[in-house]
Amino acid sequence: MAIRLVLAEDGYLAREGLRRLLETRPGLDVVADCGDLPTLLQAVAEHDPDVVLTDIRMPPDDRDEGIQAARMLRDTSPAVGVIVLSHYAEPGYALALLEGGSERRAYLLKERVADLDQLVAAIEAVAAGGSVIDPKVVEALVAARAAGTRSKLAELTPREREVLRAMAQGMNNAAIAASLVIAERSVEKYVHSIFAKLGLTWEDHVHRRVKAVLLYLAEGGD
């Protein structure tokens, strides 16, 4: 069955353009589109979508309405996934999105909309219960932590850093193996090594791994 989407974007032309792009994919069904937070919440209550694709800033205040919507829906409609689109590669926004849990949540830069395959892959991942964080946000977190003179990230090999970035983007071991063109068993070894070096407990579920890695990168141990 098609993934049911509610689209939220305050710019009419941007909203219509994105809607038409998404409607070219037979596996997606845009059941409603709206331009502000109250209308978004009403549309979710009325249409019971699988995923909400929302701009980070909308009326009424043009601040962080997309993240507010994700928080509210975690309580009122926990089965609904939320993808927040933003111009800002700011780790704080991504971490705010994950405060209530990383399952069925994604934070992507708006430039990803130009790559429809990548956007659809994120929609499918969130609908299935996963998490996706934009690679540029992950890079910002890694750079900030690696800059610390006592950072444990300095202990990671270049290959382990590649695996860490992929993990933080929500990839499971099979996807990481395919991306890096290595054996899945090798990925398992890298993941175990990364978690050991960073002092993180092993997490089998992808969305839990995402949160653990992001939280470490943002404010983890020395």
N, C-alpha and C. Protein backbone atom coordinates (compact mmCIF):
# COMPACT_ATOMS: atom_id res chain seq x y z
N MET A 1 0.84 -1.20 0.00
CA MET A 1 0.00 0.00 0.00
C MET A 1 0.87 1.25 0.00
N ALA A 2 0.34 2.31 -0.59
CA ALA A 2 1.08 3.57 -0.68
C ALA A 2 1.25 4.19 0.70
N ILE A 3 2.36 4.89 0.88
CA ILE A 3 2.60 5.64 2.12
C ILE A 3 1.80 6.93 2.05
N ARG A 4 0.96 7.16 3.05
CA ARG A 4 0.11 8.35 3.09
C ARG A 4 0.87 9.51 3.74
N LEU A 5 0.91 10.64 3.01
CA LEU A 5 1.70 11.79 3.44
C LEU A 5 0.83 13.02 3.68
N VAL A 6 1.19 13.78 4.72
CA VAL A 6 0.70 15.15 4.88
C VAL A 6 1.89 16.05 4.70
N LEU A 7 1.76 17.04 3.82
CA LEU A 7 2.83 17.96 3.47
C LEU A 7 2.57 19.33 4.08
N ALA A 8 3.56 19.88 4.79
CA ALA A 8 3.40 21.19 5.42
C ALA A 8 4.54 22.11 5.00
N GLU A 9 4.19 23.19 4.32
CA GLU A 9 5.16 24.18 3.83
C GLU A 9 4.40 25.49 3.62
N ASP A 10 4.88 26.58 4.23
CA ASP A 10 4.12 27.82 4.16
C ASP A 10 4.21 28.52 2.81
N GLY A 11 5.26 28.24 2.03
CA GLY A 11 5.37 28.84 0.71
C GLY A 11 4.54 28.08 -0.31
N TYR A 12 3.56 28.75 -0.92
CA TYR A 12 2.63 28.06 -1.82
C TYR A 12 3.35 27.40 -2.99
N LEU A 13 4.25 28.14 -3.65
CA LEU A 13 4.92 27.58 -4.82
C LEU A 13 5.81 26.40 -4.43
N ALA A 14 6.52 26.53 -3.31
CA ALA A 14 7.37 25.43 -2.85
C ALA A 14 6.52 24.21 -2.50
N ARG A 15 5.38 24.45 -1.85
CA ARG A 15 4.49 23.36 -1.45
C ARG A 15 3.92 22.63 -2.66
N GLU A 16 3.47 23.42 -3.65
CA GLU A 16 2.90 22.80 -4.85
C GLU A 16 3.96 22.05 -5.64
N GLY A 17 5.15 22.63 -5.72
CA GLY A 17 6.23 21.96 -6.45
C GLY A 17 6.60 20.64 -5.80
N LEU A 18 6.72 20.65 -4.47
CA LEU A 18 7.06 19.42 -3.77
C LEU A 18 5.96 18.39 -3.88
N ARG A 19 4.72 18.85 -3.80
CA ARG A 19 3.60 17.92 -3.92
C ARG A 19 3.62 17.24 -5.29
N ARG A 20 3.83 18.00 -6.33
CA ARG A 20 3.83 17.42 -7.67
C ARG A 20 4.98 16.44 -7.85
N LEU A 21 6.13 16.75 -7.26
CA LEU A 21 7.25 15.81 -7.32
C LEU A 21 6.90 14.50 -6.63
N LEU A 22 6.36 14.59 -5.43
CA LEU A 22 6.03 13.39 -4.67
C LEU A 22 4.95 12.56 -5.36
N GLU A 23 4.03 13.24 -6.01
CA GLU A 23 2.93 12.52 -6.67
C GLU A 23 3.38 11.77 -7.92
N THR A 24 4.63 11.97 -8.35
CA THR A 24 5.14 11.19 -9.48
C THR A 24 5.53 9.77 -9.05
N ARG A 25 5.60 9.55 -7.74
CA ARG A 25 5.96 8.24 -7.23
C ARG A 25 4.71 7.45 -6.84
N PRO A 26 4.48 6.30 -7.46
CA PRO A 26 3.26 5.53 -7.20
C PRO A 26 3.16 5.01 -5.77
N GLY A 27 4.28 4.91 -5.06
CA GLY A 27 4.25 4.40 -3.70
C GLY A 27 3.92 5.44 -2.66
N LEU A 28 3.67 6.69 -3.10
CA LEU A 28 3.36 7.78 -2.18
C LEU A 28 1.99 8.38 -2.50
N ASP A 29 1.27 8.76 -1.46
CA ASP A 29 -0.05 9.37 -1.62
C ASP A 29 -0.13 10.60 -0.72
N VAL A 30 -0.07 11.79 -1.33
CA VAL A 30 -0.18 13.04 -0.56
C VAL A 30 -1.66 13.28 -0.28
N VAL A 31 -2.06 13.05 0.96
CA VAL A 31 -3.49 13.13 1.31
C VAL A 31 -3.91 14.54 1.72
N ALA A 32 -2.94 15.40 2.05
CA ALA A 32 -3.27 16.78 2.42
C ALA A 32 -2.01 17.62 2.38
N ASP A 33 -2.18 18.93 2.11
CA ASP A 33 -1.06 19.86 2.24
C ASP A 33 -1.55 21.11 2.96
N CYS A 34 -0.65 21.73 3.69
CA CYS A 34 -1.05 22.87 4.52
C CYS A 34 0.13 23.82 4.71
N GLY A 35 -0.17 25.00 5.27
CA GLY A 35 0.84 26.04 5.34
C GLY A 35 1.12 26.57 6.72
N ASP A 36 0.56 25.96 7.77
CA ASP A 36 0.86 26.41 9.13
C ASP A 36 0.65 25.27 10.11
N LEU A 37 1.11 25.51 11.34
CA LEU A 37 1.07 24.45 12.34
C LEU A 37 -0.34 24.00 12.72
N PRO A 38 -1.28 24.90 12.99
CA PRO A 38 -2.63 24.45 13.35
C PRO A 38 -3.28 23.60 12.26
N THR A 39 -3.10 24.02 11.00
CA THR A 39 -3.69 23.26 9.90
C THR A 39 -3.02 21.90 9.75
N LEU A 40 -1.72 21.85 10.01
CA LEU A 40 -1.00 20.58 9.96
C LEU A 40 -1.56 19.59 10.99
N LEU A 41 -1.73 20.05 12.22
CA LEU A 41 -2.24 19.17 13.26
C LEU A 41 -3.66 18.72 12.95
N GLN A 42 -4.46 19.61 12.38
CA GLN A 42 -5.82 19.26 12.00
C GLN A 42 -5.82 18.21 10.89
N ALA A 43 -4.91 18.38 9.91
CA ALA A 43 -4.83 17.44 8.80
C ALA A 43 -4.42 16.05 9.27
N VAL A 44 -3.52 15.99 10.25
CA VAL A 44 -3.11 14.69 10.78
C VAL A 44 -4.28 14.01 11.49
N ALA A 45 -5.03 14.78 12.27
CA ALA A 45 -6.18 14.22 12.97
C ALA A 45 -7.23 13.72 12.00
N GLU A 46 -7.37 14.41 10.89
CA GLU A 46 -8.42 14.07 9.92
C GLU A 46 -8.03 12.92 9.01
N HIS A 47 -6.77 12.89 8.57
CA HIS A 47 -6.36 11.93 7.53
C HIS A 47 -5.54 10.75 8.04
N ASP A 48 -5.04 10.82 9.28
CA ASP A 48 -4.27 9.72 9.86
C ASP A 48 -3.18 9.24 8.89
N PRO A 49 -2.21 10.11 8.54
CA PRO A 49 -1.17 9.73 7.57
C PRO A 49 -0.13 8.81 8.19
N ASP A 50 0.73 8.28 7.34
CA ASP A 50 1.86 7.49 7.81
C ASP A 50 3.05 8.41 8.16
N VAL A 51 3.19 9.47 7.36
CA VAL A 51 4.34 10.37 7.52
C VAL A 51 3.90 11.80 7.29
N VAL A 52 4.47 12.70 8.09
CA VAL A 52 4.34 14.14 7.89
C VAL A 52 5.68 14.66 7.37
N LEU A 53 5.64 15.40 6.28
CA LEU A 53 6.83 16.05 5.72
C LEU A 53 6.64 17.55 5.92
N THR A 54 7.43 18.15 6.81
CA THR A 54 7.15 19.52 7.21
C THR A 54 8.37 20.43 7.19
N ASP A 55 8.14 21.67 6.84
CA ASP A 55 9.17 22.70 6.96
C ASP A 55 9.43 22.93 8.44
N ILE A 56 10.65 23.34 8.80
CA ILE A 56 10.95 23.58 10.21
C ILE A 56 10.29 24.87 10.70
N ARG A 57 10.14 25.87 9.83
CA ARG A 57 9.54 27.15 10.23
C ARG A 57 8.29 27.44 9.42
N MET A 58 7.20 27.72 10.13
CA MET A 58 5.92 28.03 9.51
C MET A 58 5.18 29.00 10.42
N PRO A 59 4.09 29.61 9.92
CA PRO A 59 3.21 30.35 10.82
C PRO A 59 2.65 29.40 11.88
N PRO A 60 2.31 29.87 13.08
CA PRO A 60 2.07 31.28 13.36
C PRO A 60 3.30 32.09 13.76
N ASP A 61 4.40 31.48 14.18
CA ASP A 61 5.52 32.25 14.71
C ASP A 61 6.79 32.18 13.87
N ASP A 62 6.83 31.29 12.89
CA ASP A 62 8.02 31.13 12.04
C ASP A 62 9.28 30.90 12.86
N ARG A 63 9.20 29.96 13.78
CA ARG A 63 10.35 29.64 14.63
C ARG A 63 10.78 28.18 14.42
N ASP A 64 10.16 27.25 15.13
CA ASP A 64 10.51 25.83 14.99
C ASP A 64 9.25 24.97 15.00
N GLU A 65 8.24 25.43 14.25
CA GLU A 65 6.94 24.74 14.26
C GLU A 65 7.03 23.28 13.84
N GLY A 66 7.96 22.97 12.93
CA GLY A 66 8.11 21.58 12.50
C GLY A 66 8.52 20.68 13.66
N ILE A 67 9.43 21.16 14.48
CA ILE A 67 9.86 20.39 15.65
C ILE A 67 8.76 20.35 16.70
N GLN A 68 8.03 21.46 16.86
CA GLN A 68 6.89 21.46 17.77
C GLN A 68 5.87 20.40 17.36
N ALA A 69 5.60 20.33 16.05
CA ALA A 69 4.64 19.34 15.54
C ALA A 69 5.11 17.93 15.86
N ALA A 70 6.40 17.67 15.67
CA ALA A 70 6.94 16.34 15.95
C ALA A 70 6.76 15.98 17.42
N ARG A 71 6.98 16.95 18.31
CA ARG A 71 6.81 16.69 19.74
C ARG A 71 5.35 16.40 20.08
N MET A 72 4.45 17.21 19.55
CA MET A 72 3.03 17.01 19.82
C MET A 72 2.54 15.67 19.30
N LEU A 73 2.97 15.32 18.09
CA LEU A 73 2.51 14.08 17.48
C LEU A 73 3.09 12.85 18.17
N ARG A 74 4.22 13.01 18.84
CA ARG A 74 4.77 11.89 19.60
C ARG A 74 3.77 11.45 20.67
N ASP A 75 3.01 12.42 21.21
CA ASP A 75 2.01 12.11 22.24
C ASP A 75 0.66 11.73 21.65
N THR A 76 0.22 12.50 20.64
CA THR A 76 -1.13 12.29 20.12
C THR A 76 -1.22 11.25 19.02
N SER A 77 -0.16 11.10 18.22
CA SER A 77 -0.17 10.16 17.10
C SER A 77 1.20 9.50 16.96
N PRO A 78 1.57 8.65 17.91
CA PRO A 78 2.93 8.10 17.94
C PRO A 78 3.29 7.25 16.73
N ALA A 79 2.31 6.75 16.00
CA ALA A 79 2.60 5.93 14.82
C ALA A 79 2.92 6.76 13.59
N VAL A 80 2.73 8.07 13.67
CA VAL A 80 2.97 8.95 12.52
C VAL A 80 4.44 9.37 12.51
N GLY A 81 5.11 9.14 11.40
CA GLY A 81 6.49 9.59 11.26
C GLY A 81 6.55 11.06 10.89
N VAL A 82 7.63 11.73 11.25
CA VAL A 82 7.80 13.15 10.94
C VAL A 82 9.18 13.39 10.35
N ILE A 83 9.19 14.01 9.17
CA ILE A 83 10.44 14.43 8.54
C ILE A 83 10.45 15.96 8.53
N VAL A 84 11.45 16.54 9.17
CA VAL A 84 11.58 17.99 9.22
C VAL A 84 12.59 18.43 8.16
N LEU A 85 12.16 19.34 7.30
CA LEU A 85 13.03 19.91 6.27
C LEU A 85 13.52 21.27 6.74
N SER A 86 14.81 21.51 6.61
CA SER A 86 15.37 22.76 7.15
C SER A 86 16.50 23.27 6.27
N HIS A 87 16.72 24.59 6.32
CA HIS A 87 17.88 25.19 5.66
C HIS A 87 19.12 25.11 6.56
N TYR A 88 18.93 24.70 7.81
CA TYR A 88 19.97 24.86 8.82
C TYR A 88 20.64 23.53 9.18
N ALA A 89 21.95 23.45 8.93
CA ALA A 89 22.73 22.27 9.33
C ALA A 89 23.17 22.46 10.78
N GLU A 90 22.21 22.73 11.62
CA GLU A 90 22.46 23.05 13.02
C GLU A 90 22.15 21.83 13.88
N PRO A 91 23.17 21.22 14.50
CA PRO A 91 22.93 20.01 15.29
C PRO A 91 21.88 20.19 16.37
N GLY A 92 21.76 21.39 16.94
CA GLY A 92 20.80 21.62 18.01
C GLY A 92 19.37 21.35 17.58
N TYR A 93 19.05 21.69 16.34
CA TYR A 93 17.70 21.42 15.84
C TYR A 93 17.45 19.92 15.75
N ALA A 94 18.44 19.20 15.21
CA ALA A 94 18.28 17.74 15.07
C ALA A 94 18.13 17.08 16.43
N LEU A 95 18.93 17.52 17.40
CA LEU A 95 18.86 16.94 18.73
C LEU A 95 17.54 17.27 19.41
N ALA A 96 17.02 18.48 19.16
CA ALA A 96 15.71 18.84 19.71
C ALA A 96 14.63 17.94 19.14
N LEU A 97 14.76 17.60 17.87
CA LEU A 97 13.79 16.71 17.23
C LEU A 97 13.80 15.33 17.89
N LEU A 98 14.97 14.90 18.35
CA LEU A 98 15.12 13.55 18.89
C LEU A 98 14.91 13.47 20.40
N GLU A 99 14.62 14.59 21.05
CA GLU A 99 14.50 14.59 22.50
C GLU A 99 13.49 13.57 23.02
N GLY A 100 12.37 13.44 22.32
CA GLY A 100 11.34 12.52 22.76
C GLY A 100 11.50 11.13 22.19
N GLY A 101 12.61 10.86 21.52
CA GLY A 101 12.85 9.57 20.89
C GLY A 101 13.18 9.77 19.42
N SER A 102 13.99 8.89 18.88
CA SER A 102 14.42 9.03 17.48
C SER A 102 13.62 8.17 16.52
N GLU A 103 12.80 7.26 17.04
CA GLU A 103 12.02 6.39 16.17
C GLU A 103 11.04 7.21 15.33
N ARG A 104 10.99 6.93 14.04
CA ARG A 104 10.08 7.59 13.09
C ARG A 104 10.34 9.10 12.98
N ARG A 105 11.59 9.50 13.07
CA ARG A 105 11.94 10.91 12.95
C ARG A 105 13.11 11.09 11.99
N ALA A 106 13.07 12.19 11.23
CA ALA A 106 14.17 12.49 10.31
C ALA A 106 14.36 14.00 10.24
N TYR A 107 15.62 14.40 10.08
CA TYR A 107 15.96 15.81 9.92
C TYR A 107 16.81 15.92 8.66
N LEU A 108 16.29 16.60 7.65
CA LEU A 108 16.98 16.71 6.37
C LEU A 108 17.10 18.17 5.96
N LEU A 109 18.20 18.49 5.30
CA LEU A 109 18.33 19.82 4.72
C LEU A 109 17.46 19.90 3.47
N LYS A 110 16.94 21.10 3.21
CA LYS A 110 16.02 21.26 2.08
C LYS A 110 16.68 20.96 0.74
N GLU A 111 17.99 21.08 0.68
CA GLU A 111 18.67 20.79 -0.57
C GLU A 111 18.48 19.33 -1.00
N ARG A 112 18.11 18.46 -0.05
CA ARG A 112 17.90 17.05 -0.39
C ARG A 112 16.66 16.86 -1.25
N VAL A 113 15.77 17.85 -1.25
CA VAL A 113 14.55 17.75 -2.05
C VAL A 113 14.90 17.62 -3.53
N ALA A 114 16.04 18.18 -3.93
CA ALA A 114 16.45 18.10 -5.33
C ALA A 114 16.75 16.67 -5.76
N ASP A 115 17.05 15.81 -4.79
CA ASP A 115 17.30 14.39 -5.07
C ASP A 115 16.08 13.61 -4.59
N LEU A 116 15.13 13.40 -5.49
CA LEU A 116 13.88 12.77 -5.10
C LEU A 116 14.08 11.36 -4.57
N ASP A 117 15.02 10.63 -5.14
CA ASP A 117 15.28 9.27 -4.65
C ASP A 117 15.71 9.29 -3.18
N GLN A 118 16.55 10.25 -2.83
CA GLN A 118 17.02 10.34 -1.45
C GLN A 118 15.88 10.73 -0.52
N LEU A 119 15.03 11.65 -0.95
CA LEU A 119 13.90 12.07 -0.13
C LEU A 119 12.92 10.91 0.06
N VAL A 120 12.63 10.19 -1.01
CA VAL A 120 11.72 9.05 -0.92
C VAL A 120 12.30 7.97 0.00
N ALA A 121 13.61 7.75 -0.08
CA ALA A 121 14.24 6.76 0.79
C ALA A 121 14.06 7.14 2.25
N ALA A 122 14.16 8.44 2.56
CA ALA A 122 13.96 8.91 3.93
C ALA A 122 12.51 8.70 4.36
N ILE A 123 11.57 8.98 3.47
CA ILE A 123 10.15 8.79 3.77
C ILE A 123 9.88 7.32 4.07
N GLU A 124 10.42 6.44 3.25
CA GLU A 124 10.22 5.00 3.46
C GLU A 124 10.84 4.54 4.77
N ALA A 125 12.03 5.07 5.09
CA ALA A 125 12.71 4.67 6.33
C ALA A 125 11.91 5.10 7.55
N VAL A 126 11.40 6.32 7.53
CA VAL A 126 10.63 6.84 8.66
C VAL A 126 9.30 6.09 8.79
N ALA A 127 8.66 5.81 7.67
CA ALA A 127 7.40 5.06 7.70
C ALA A 127 7.59 3.68 8.30
N ALA A 128 8.79 3.12 8.13
CA ALA A 128 9.09 1.78 8.65
C ALA A 128 9.58 1.81 10.09
N GLY A 129 9.65 3.01 10.68
CA GLY A 129 10.06 3.12 12.07
C GLY A 129 11.48 3.56 12.30
N GLY A 130 12.20 3.89 11.23
CA GLY A 130 13.60 4.26 11.35
C GLY A 130 13.84 5.74 11.56
N SER A 131 15.12 6.11 11.52
CA SER A 131 15.54 7.49 11.73
C SER A 131 16.55 7.87 10.65
N VAL A 132 16.53 9.13 10.24
CA VAL A 132 17.48 9.63 9.26
C VAL A 132 17.92 11.02 9.68
N ILE A 133 19.22 11.26 9.71
CA ILE A 133 19.76 12.57 10.00
C ILE A 133 20.65 12.98 8.83
N ASP A 134 20.48 14.22 8.36
CA ASP A 134 21.21 14.69 7.19
C ASP A 134 22.72 14.54 7.40
N PRO A 135 23.43 14.06 6.38
CA PRO A 135 24.88 13.88 6.50
C PRO A 135 25.63 15.14 6.92
N LYS A 136 25.18 16.32 6.48
CA LYS A 136 25.88 17.55 6.84
C LYS A 136 25.75 17.85 8.33
N VAL A 137 24.62 17.49 8.92
CA VAL A 137 24.44 17.67 10.36
C VAL A 137 25.38 16.73 11.10
N VAL A 138 25.47 15.51 10.61
CA VAL A 138 26.38 14.53 11.22
C VAL A 138 27.82 15.03 11.13
N GLU A 139 28.19 15.57 9.96
CA GLU A 139 29.55 16.10 9.79
C GLU A 139 29.82 17.22 10.79
N ALA A 140 28.84 18.09 11.01
CA ALA A 140 29.01 19.19 11.96
C ALA A 140 29.24 18.67 13.38
N LEU A 141 28.50 17.64 13.75
CA LEU A 141 28.67 17.05 15.07
C LEU A 141 30.03 16.38 15.22
N VAL A 142 30.42 15.64 14.20
CA VAL A 142 31.71 14.95 14.24
C VAL A 142 32.85 15.97 14.32
N ALA A 143 32.77 17.03 13.52
CA ALA A 143 33.82 18.05 13.52
C ALA A 143 33.93 18.74 14.86
N ALA A 144 32.77 19.06 15.46
CA ALA A 144 32.77 19.75 16.74
C ALA A 144 33.39 18.88 17.83
N ARG A 145 33.05 17.60 17.85
CA ARG A 145 33.57 16.71 18.88
C ARG A 145 35.05 16.39 18.63
N ALA A 146 35.40 16.21 17.35
CA ALA A 146 36.78 15.86 17.03
C ALA A 146 37.73 17.00 17.33
N ALA A 147 37.23 18.23 17.36
CA ALA A 147 38.06 19.40 17.64
C ALA A 147 38.56 19.42 19.08
N GLY A 148 37.85 18.71 19.96
CA GLY A 148 38.26 18.67 21.36
C GLY A 148 39.56 17.89 21.52
N THR A 149 40.46 18.42 22.28
CA THR A 149 41.77 17.78 22.41
C THR A 149 41.70 16.42 23.09
N ARG A 150 40.64 16.21 23.90
CA ARG A 150 40.53 14.94 24.63
C ARG A 150 39.43 14.06 24.04
N SER A 151 38.97 14.40 22.86
CA SER A 151 37.85 13.66 22.27
C SER A 151 38.23 12.22 21.96
N LYS A 152 37.34 11.30 22.32
CA LYS A 152 37.55 9.90 22.00
C LYS A 152 37.44 9.64 20.50
N LEU A 153 36.84 10.58 19.78
CA LEU A 153 36.75 10.41 18.33
C LEU A 153 38.13 10.35 17.69
N ALA A 154 39.11 10.97 18.36
CA ALA A 154 40.47 10.95 17.82
C ALA A 154 41.03 9.54 17.79
N GLU A 155 40.43 8.63 18.56
CA GLU A 155 40.91 7.26 18.61
C GLU A 155 40.38 6.41 17.45
N LEU A 156 39.38 6.92 16.74
CA LEU A 156 38.78 6.14 15.67
C LEU A 156 39.64 6.18 14.41
N THR A 157 39.68 5.05 13.71
CA THR A 157 40.38 4.99 12.44
C THR A 157 39.52 5.68 11.38
N PRO A 158 40.10 6.05 10.23
CA PRO A 158 39.30 6.67 9.15
C PRO A 158 38.10 5.81 8.74
N ARG A 159 38.29 4.50 8.67
CA ARG A 159 37.17 3.63 8.30
C ARG A 159 36.10 3.61 9.38
N GLU A 160 36.50 3.63 10.64
CA GLU A 160 35.53 3.67 11.73
C GLU A 160 34.74 4.97 11.71
N ARG A 161 35.39 6.07 11.32
CA ARG A 161 34.67 7.35 11.20
C ARG A 161 33.62 7.26 10.09
N GLU A 162 33.96 6.61 9.00
CA GLU A 162 32.99 6.44 7.91
C GLU A 162 31.78 5.64 8.38
N VAL A 163 32.04 4.58 9.11
CA VAL A 163 30.95 3.74 9.63
C VAL A 163 30.12 4.53 10.63
N LEU A 164 30.78 5.32 11.49
CA LEU A 164 30.06 6.13 12.48
C LEU A 164 29.11 7.11 11.80
N ARG A 165 29.57 7.78 10.76
CA ARG A 165 28.72 8.73 10.05
C ARG A 165 27.50 8.02 9.45
N ALA A 166 27.75 6.85 8.88
CA ALA A 166 26.65 6.08 8.29
C ALA A 166 25.65 5.64 9.36
N MET A 167 26.15 5.22 10.51
CA MET A 167 25.28 4.83 11.61
C MET A 167 24.39 5.99 12.05
N ALA A 168 24.99 7.18 12.17
CA ALA A 168 24.25 8.35 12.62
C ALA A 168 23.22 8.79 11.61
N GLN A 169 23.39 8.38 10.36
CA GLN A 169 22.40 8.68 9.32
C GLN A 169 21.27 7.65 9.29
N GLY A 170 21.33 6.67 10.17
CA GLY A 170 20.25 5.71 10.29
C GLY A 170 20.43 4.42 9.54
N MET A 171 21.60 4.20 8.96
CA MET A 171 21.83 2.98 8.19
C MET A 171 22.01 1.77 9.10
N ASN A 172 21.46 0.63 8.69
CA ASN A 172 21.75 -0.61 9.40
C ASN A 172 23.04 -1.20 8.83
N ASN A 173 23.48 -2.31 9.38
CA ASN A 173 24.77 -2.86 8.98
C ASN A 173 24.81 -3.26 7.50
N ALA A 174 23.70 -3.80 7.01
CA ALA A 174 23.67 -4.21 5.60
C ALA A 174 23.81 -3.00 4.68
N ALA A 175 23.12 -1.91 5.02
CA ALA A 175 23.19 -0.70 4.20
C ALA A 175 24.58 -0.09 4.25
N ILE A 176 25.21 -0.12 5.42
CA ILE A 176 26.57 0.41 5.54
C ILE A 176 27.53 -0.41 4.69
N ALA A 177 27.37 -1.73 4.74
CA ALA A 177 28.23 -2.61 3.96
C ALA A 177 28.11 -2.31 2.47
N ALA A 178 26.87 -2.11 2.00
CA ALA A 178 26.66 -1.81 0.59
C ALA A 178 27.25 -0.46 0.22
N SER A 179 27.08 0.52 1.12
CA SER A 179 27.57 1.87 0.84
C SER A 179 29.09 1.93 0.76
N LEU A 180 29.75 1.20 1.65
CA LEU A 180 31.22 1.24 1.72
C LEU A 180 31.87 0.11 0.93
N VAL A 181 31.04 -0.76 0.35
CA VAL A 181 31.52 -1.89 -0.45
C VAL A 181 32.46 -2.76 0.38
N ILE A 182 31.96 -3.17 1.54
CA ILE A 182 32.69 -4.10 2.39
C ILE A 182 31.72 -5.17 2.89
N ALA A 183 32.25 -6.21 3.50
CA ALA A 183 31.40 -7.29 3.99
C ALA A 183 30.62 -6.84 5.22
N GLU A 184 29.39 -7.36 5.37
CA GLU A 184 28.57 -6.99 6.52
C GLU A 184 29.24 -7.43 7.82
N ARG A 185 29.93 -8.52 7.80
CA ARG A 185 30.64 -8.98 9.01
C ARG A 185 31.72 -7.97 9.42
N SER A 186 32.35 -7.36 8.42
CA SER A 186 33.36 -6.34 8.72
C SER A 186 32.70 -5.13 9.38
N VAL A 187 31.50 -4.78 8.90
CA VAL A 187 30.78 -3.66 9.50
C VAL A 187 30.50 -3.95 10.97
N GLU A 188 30.06 -5.17 11.26
CA GLU A 188 29.77 -5.54 12.65
C GLU A 188 30.99 -5.33 13.54
N LYS A 189 32.15 -5.70 13.03
CA LYS A 189 33.38 -5.53 13.81
C LYS A 189 33.68 -4.06 14.03
N TYR A 190 33.50 -3.24 12.97
CA TYR A 190 33.74 -1.81 13.11
C TYR A 190 32.78 -1.19 14.12
N VAL A 191 31.52 -1.59 14.07
CA VAL A 191 30.52 -1.03 14.98
C VAL A 191 30.87 -1.37 16.42
N HIS A 192 31.21 -2.62 16.66
CA HIS A 192 31.60 -3.02 18.02
C HIS A 192 32.81 -2.22 18.49
N SER A 193 33.77 -2.02 17.61
CA SER A 193 34.96 -1.27 17.96
C SER A 193 34.63 0.19 18.27
N ILE A 194 33.76 0.78 17.46
CA ILE A 194 33.36 2.17 17.67
C ILE A 194 32.68 2.34 19.02
N PHE A 195 31.73 1.47 19.31
CA PHE A 195 31.01 1.60 20.57
C PHE A 195 31.94 1.37 21.76
N ALA A 196 32.90 0.48 21.61
CA ALA A 196 33.84 0.23 22.69
C ALA A 196 34.72 1.46 22.93
N LYS A 197 35.21 2.07 21.85
CA LYS A 197 36.08 3.23 21.98
C LYS A 197 35.32 4.45 22.53
N LEU A 198 34.05 4.59 22.17
CA LEU A 198 33.27 5.74 22.62
C LEU A 198 32.59 5.50 23.96
N GLY A 199 32.70 4.27 24.47
CA GLY A 199 32.10 3.97 25.77
C GLY A 199 30.59 3.89 25.72
N LEU A 200 30.03 3.51 24.56
CA LEU A 200 28.58 3.39 24.40
C LEU A 200 28.17 1.93 24.50
N THR A 201 26.99 1.69 25.04
CA THR A 201 26.47 0.32 25.09
C THR A 201 26.00 -0.09 23.71
N TRP A 202 26.08 -1.38 23.44
CA TRP A 202 25.64 -1.90 22.15
C TRP A 202 24.14 -1.77 21.99
N GLU A 203 23.72 -1.25 20.84
CA GLU A 203 22.28 -1.12 20.55
C GLU A 203 22.01 -1.78 19.21
N ASP A 204 21.13 -2.75 19.20
CA ASP A 204 20.84 -3.50 17.98
C ASP A 204 19.88 -2.75 17.06
N HIS A 205 18.94 -2.01 17.64
CA HIS A 205 17.94 -1.33 16.83
C HIS A 205 18.52 -0.05 16.24
N VAL A 206 18.27 0.18 14.96
CA VAL A 206 18.89 1.29 14.25
C VAL A 206 18.55 2.63 14.89
N HIS A 207 17.28 2.87 15.22
CA HIS A 207 16.92 4.19 15.72
C HIS A 207 17.55 4.46 17.08
N ARG A 208 17.79 3.41 17.87
CA ARG A 208 18.46 3.60 19.15
C ARG A 208 19.94 3.91 18.93
N ARG A 209 20.53 3.29 17.93
CA ARG A 209 21.93 3.58 17.62
C ARG A 209 22.08 5.02 17.19
N VAL A 210 21.15 5.49 16.38
CA VAL A 210 21.19 6.88 15.91
C VAL A 210 21.20 7.84 17.09
N LYS A 211 20.28 7.65 18.01
CA LYS A 211 20.20 8.56 19.15
C LYS A 211 21.45 8.48 20.01
N ALA A 212 21.92 7.27 20.25
CA ALA A 212 23.11 7.11 21.08
C ALA A 212 24.31 7.83 20.47
N VAL A 213 24.50 7.66 19.17
CA VAL A 213 25.64 8.28 18.50
C VAL A 213 25.51 9.79 18.50
N LEU A 214 24.33 10.30 18.16
CA LEU A 214 24.15 11.75 18.10
C LEU A 214 24.33 12.39 19.46
N LEU A 215 23.78 11.77 20.48
CA LEU A 215 23.92 12.34 21.82
C LEU A 215 25.38 12.33 22.25
N TYR A 216 26.12 11.28 21.90
CA TYR A 216 27.53 11.27 22.24
C TYR A 216 28.26 12.39 21.52
N LEU A 217 28.00 12.52 20.22
CA LEU A 217 28.69 13.54 19.44
C LEU A 217 28.40 14.94 19.94
N ALA A 218 27.17 15.13 20.42
CA ALA A 218 26.78 16.47 20.85
C ALA A 218 27.31 16.81 22.24
N GLU A 219 27.24 15.83 23.17
CA GLU A 219 27.55 16.18 24.55
C GLU A 219 28.14 15.03 25.34
N GLY A 220 28.68 14.04 24.63
CA GLY A 220 29.17 12.85 25.30
C GLY A 220 30.43 13.09 26.11
N GLY A 221 31.00 11.96 26.59
CA GLY A 221 32.16 12.05 27.47
C GLY A 221 33.38 12.61 26.78
N ASP A 222 34.39 12.85 27.55
CA ASP A 222 35.63 13.45 27.04
C ASP A 222 36.36 12.48 26.13
